[in-house]
Structures are given as C-alpha cells and as structure tokens.
Amino acid sequence: MAFDRDQVLRSAAALLTRKATATMDEVAKAAGISRATLHRHFAGRDALVRALESLGIAECEAALEAARLDEGPVSDAVRRLVRAIEPAAALLGFLYTENQLFEGEQQNEGWTRIDERVAALFRRGQETGEFRIDLTPAWLTDALYGLLASAAWAVSEGRVAPKDFTHMVTELLLGGALRREES
C-alpha cells in the first residue's frame, strides 16, 4: 500500500482538531497506518505539526485566491473569505493553539503573507469608508482569526450548526467593524 501523505495529514488534522493531545500512535491509527510508517515520514509530533502548518498555509492561500479580495465591497469580500476558509477552519483552529509555530525566527513566512493580505483587505475597507478607522487592520485580522477558531471549535463540539459558521463569524466581525453613520 502506497503512502498517501495528503490523506495522512488530513486524517491527523481531523483527529488533532478534535483531540489536540492525541499521541502519534493515535494519529497513526486514525490514518490507517502503522506507527513506524508515520515516524518514517514525520520524525515526531513537531515534524507532523510543521507539515500540518504547511497544509494550513496552503489552504489559507487558496481561500484568499477564491475570495477575490479586491472585488466589490469589502464586507462582501470578508463574507467570501470566511466561506472559502470554512473547510479548513478546524485545522486552523488547531494550528492557532500551537504556539511554537508563531515564536522566534522559525516562524513560517507563509503566515506573514496571509496576515498582510487580510490586513490589506481591512485597510481597503477603512480607505473606502466602509470600516471603522479606530480599529487597526492588524487588530481586525487577529479578531477574524479568533472568530474562525472559536466558530470551528463550537461546530466541532456540536454547540453550533455547521451551516451557521459563515453567518456567525461574519456578522459578529462586521457588526463591530462596519462604520456607522453618526446621528
């Protein structure tokens, strides 16, 4: 049986999003391979998490492309982005809690590229007058990430219906970010 790296990563992601403390034995079992095979391809948990990070970055970058961030009103682009990223939200929620991915000189520059593109979207919303200017693009970016992770956890725990994911994230974020007419 050939080793299917993508299938193993997706199985690991599915398990780790439900059980972040899963052992390598549990990951191997979930992927339908032996522990030895898993260790041949991923020397340990850190190597597996780094591979999942690469998958998460690729998923985010694909979602950014699919969302057509430069088209139309920014609020519509945010909705398209959340909808496009939803399938990867649980993986991103897991990665969001993996502090070693965001510390020191070893931080993957893919996250920086993603941050810059999302912040540029919020900056565009401020420049067009659609979004409040008292909230920085960096803060709006981090708020989006937090909402994506929280919604993914709520869905995985069964507290929220999957069909409500995009609506919940976008309405809460936009409800605080949109500029209101002063009366």
Protein backbone atom coordinates (compact mmCIF):
# COMPACT_ATOMS: atom_id res chain seq x y z
CA MET A 1 0.00 0.00 0.00
CA ALA A 2 1.44 3.36 -1.07
CA PHE A 3 1.88 6.11 1.47
CA ASP A 4 -0.59 8.91 0.80
CA ARG A 5 0.88 11.95 2.57
CA ASP A 6 -2.15 14.14 1.92
CA GLN A 7 -4.53 11.53 3.33
CA VAL A 8 -2.34 11.07 6.41
CA LEU A 9 -2.17 14.83 7.01
CA ARG A 10 -5.92 15.23 6.61
CA SER A 11 -6.53 12.30 9.00
CA ALA A 12 -4.10 13.80 11.50
CA ALA A 13 -5.76 17.21 11.15
CA ALA A 14 -9.21 15.71 11.70
CA LEU A 15 -8.04 13.90 14.84
CA LEU A 16 -5.97 16.74 16.28
CA THR A 17 -8.76 19.27 15.80
CA ARG A 18 -10.94 17.07 17.99
CA LYS A 19 -8.19 15.96 20.37
CA ALA A 20 -5.16 18.27 20.39
CA THR A 21 -3.28 15.99 22.80
CA ALA A 22 -3.55 12.89 20.60
CA THR A 23 -0.43 10.73 20.60
CA MET A 24 1.48 9.72 17.49
CA ASP A 25 0.04 6.21 17.99
CA GLU A 26 -3.46 7.64 17.84
CA VAL A 27 -2.58 9.69 14.76
CA ALA A 28 -1.21 6.59 13.02
CA LYS A 29 -4.32 4.60 13.89
CA ALA A 30 -6.61 7.39 12.61
CA ALA A 31 -4.63 7.49 9.36
CA GLY A 32 -4.79 3.72 8.97
CA ILE A 33 -1.03 3.24 9.03
CA SER A 34 1.47 1.82 11.48
CA ARG A 35 3.30 3.98 13.98
CA ALA A 36 6.57 3.02 12.26
CA THR A 37 5.28 4.28 8.90
CA LEU A 38 4.13 7.51 10.49
CA HIS A 39 7.56 8.01 12.10
CA ARG A 40 9.34 7.28 8.82
CA HIS A 41 7.58 10.28 7.28
CA PHE A 42 7.25 12.51 10.36
CA ALA A 43 10.08 12.14 12.88
CA GLY A 44 7.87 13.28 15.73
CA ARG A 45 4.98 15.48 16.72
CA ASP A 46 6.85 18.68 15.85
CA ALA A 47 7.51 17.45 12.30
CA LEU A 48 3.86 16.46 11.94
CA VAL A 49 2.66 19.83 13.23
CA ARG A 50 5.04 21.60 10.80
CA ALA A 51 3.60 19.56 7.93
CA LEU A 52 0.09 20.47 9.09
CA GLU A 53 1.21 24.09 9.20
CA SER A 54 2.22 23.89 5.54
CA LEU A 55 -1.17 22.38 4.73
CA GLY A 56 -2.92 25.15 6.69
CA ILE A 57 -0.97 27.86 4.88
CA ALA A 58 -1.80 26.31 1.51
CA GLU A 59 -5.48 26.12 2.47
CA CYS A 60 -5.48 29.78 3.58
CA GLU A 61 -3.74 30.96 0.44
CA ALA A 62 -6.23 29.03 -1.72
CA ALA A 63 -9.11 30.60 0.22
CA LEU A 64 -7.62 34.07 -0.24
CA GLU A 65 -7.47 33.50 -4.00
CA ALA A 66 -11.00 32.07 -4.16
CA ALA A 67 -12.41 35.00 -2.16
CA ARG A 68 -11.39 37.60 -4.77
CA LEU A 69 -10.50 40.12 -2.07
CA ASP A 70 -10.10 43.06 -4.45
CA GLU A 71 -13.61 42.77 -5.91
CA GLY A 72 -16.64 44.69 -4.71
CA PRO A 73 -17.46 45.96 -1.24
CA VAL A 74 -15.07 44.81 1.48
CA SER A 75 -17.89 43.36 3.59
CA ASP A 76 -18.76 41.07 0.66
CA ALA A 77 -15.10 40.09 0.29
CA VAL A 78 -14.95 39.24 4.03
CA ARG A 79 -18.01 37.03 3.63
CA ARG A 80 -16.45 35.29 0.61
CA LEU A 81 -13.20 34.79 2.55
CA VAL A 82 -14.92 33.25 5.57
CA ARG A 83 -16.97 30.98 3.30
CA ALA A 84 -13.83 29.91 1.40
CA ILE A 85 -11.80 29.25 4.53
CA GLU A 86 -14.55 27.39 6.40
CA PRO A 87 -13.47 23.88 5.26
CA ALA A 88 -10.02 24.48 6.78
CA ALA A 89 -11.23 26.31 9.90
CA ALA A 90 -10.87 23.34 12.26
CA LEU A 91 -7.27 22.77 11.14
CA LEU A 92 -6.57 26.48 11.52
CA GLY A 93 -8.15 26.41 14.98
CA PHE A 94 -5.74 23.63 15.96
CA LEU A 95 -2.76 25.47 14.47
CA TYR A 96 -3.83 28.67 16.23
CA THR A 97 -3.14 26.96 19.57
CA GLU A 98 0.28 25.64 18.55
CA ASN A 99 2.40 28.45 19.99
CA GLN A 100 5.70 27.09 18.67
CA LEU A 101 4.52 27.94 15.16
CA PHE A 102 4.45 31.64 15.93
CA GLU A 103 7.58 32.10 18.02
CA GLY A 104 11.08 33.09 17.10
CA GLU A 105 12.96 33.05 13.86
CA GLN A 106 11.43 29.80 12.67
CA GLN A 107 8.01 31.34 12.01
CA ASN A 108 6.86 30.35 8.56
CA GLU A 109 6.76 33.38 6.29
CA GLY A 110 3.53 31.99 4.82
CA TRP A 111 1.68 33.33 7.88
CA THR A 112 3.16 36.78 7.24
CA ARG A 113 1.94 36.71 3.62
CA ILE A 114 -1.54 35.73 4.78
CA ASP A 115 -1.59 38.38 7.52
CA GLU A 116 -0.55 41.05 5.02
CA ARG A 117 -3.29 40.12 2.56
CA VAL A 118 -6.03 40.02 5.19
CA ALA A 119 -4.85 43.28 6.78
CA ALA A 120 -4.82 44.89 3.31
CA LEU A 121 -8.47 43.88 2.93
CA PHE A 122 -9.40 45.62 6.18
CA ARG A 123 -7.26 48.64 5.25
CA ARG A 124 -9.17 48.88 1.97
CA GLY A 125 -12.40 48.87 3.95
CA GLN A 126 -11.12 51.75 6.03
CA GLU A 127 -9.95 53.70 2.99
CA THR A 128 -13.34 53.34 1.30
CA GLY A 129 -15.11 54.43 4.47
CA GLU A 130 -16.81 51.07 4.92
CA PHE A 131 -14.90 50.12 8.10
CA ARG A 132 -14.14 51.99 11.29
CA ILE A 133 -10.75 53.65 11.40
CA ASP A 134 -10.30 53.37 15.18
CA LEU A 135 -9.66 49.61 14.87
CA THR A 136 -6.32 48.79 13.25
CA PRO A 137 -6.16 46.37 10.31
CA ALA A 138 -3.86 44.18 12.43
CA TRP A 139 -6.48 44.00 15.19
CA LEU A 140 -9.28 43.21 12.72
CA THR A 141 -7.08 40.48 11.23
CA ASP A 142 -6.45 38.90 14.64
CA ALA A 143 -10.15 39.23 15.52
CA LEU A 144 -11.05 37.37 12.33
CA TYR A 145 -8.62 34.56 13.20
CA GLY A 146 -10.02 34.30 16.72
CA LEU A 147 -13.58 34.14 15.44
CA LEU A 148 -12.68 31.49 12.86
CA ALA A 149 -11.04 29.33 15.53
CA SER A 150 -13.90 29.84 18.00
CA ALA A 151 -16.54 29.01 15.43
CA ALA A 152 -14.63 25.91 14.32
CA TRP A 153 -14.45 24.72 17.94
CA ALA A 154 -18.14 25.43 18.52
CA VAL A 155 -19.09 23.49 15.39
CA SER A 156 -16.82 20.55 16.26
CA GLU A 157 -18.30 20.41 19.78
CA GLY A 158 -21.83 20.41 18.34
CA ARG A 159 -22.79 23.68 20.02
CA VAL A 160 -23.34 25.37 16.66
CA ALA A 161 -24.71 24.05 13.38
CA PRO A 162 -22.10 23.92 10.59
CA LYS A 163 -24.48 25.79 8.27
CA ASP A 164 -24.31 28.81 10.61
CA PHE A 165 -20.49 29.09 10.56
CA THR A 166 -20.11 31.83 7.94
CA HIS A 167 -23.06 33.86 9.19
CA MET A 168 -21.88 33.80 12.81
CA VAL A 169 -18.30 34.79 12.03
CA THR A 170 -19.06 37.50 9.50
CA GLU A 171 -21.97 39.08 11.34
CA LEU A 172 -20.10 39.32 14.63
CA LEU A 173 -16.95 40.66 12.98
CA LEU A 174 -18.71 43.05 10.64
CA GLY A 175 -21.12 44.14 13.35
CA GLY A 176 -18.15 45.60 15.19
CA ALA A 177 -16.04 46.66 12.21
CA LEU A 178 -18.51 48.45 9.97
CA ARG A 179 -18.59 52.17 10.19
CA ARG A 180 -21.91 53.53 11.46
CA GLU A 181 -23.49 56.78 10.35
CA GLU A 182 -23.47 59.28 13.17
CA SER A 183 -26.90 60.58 14.06
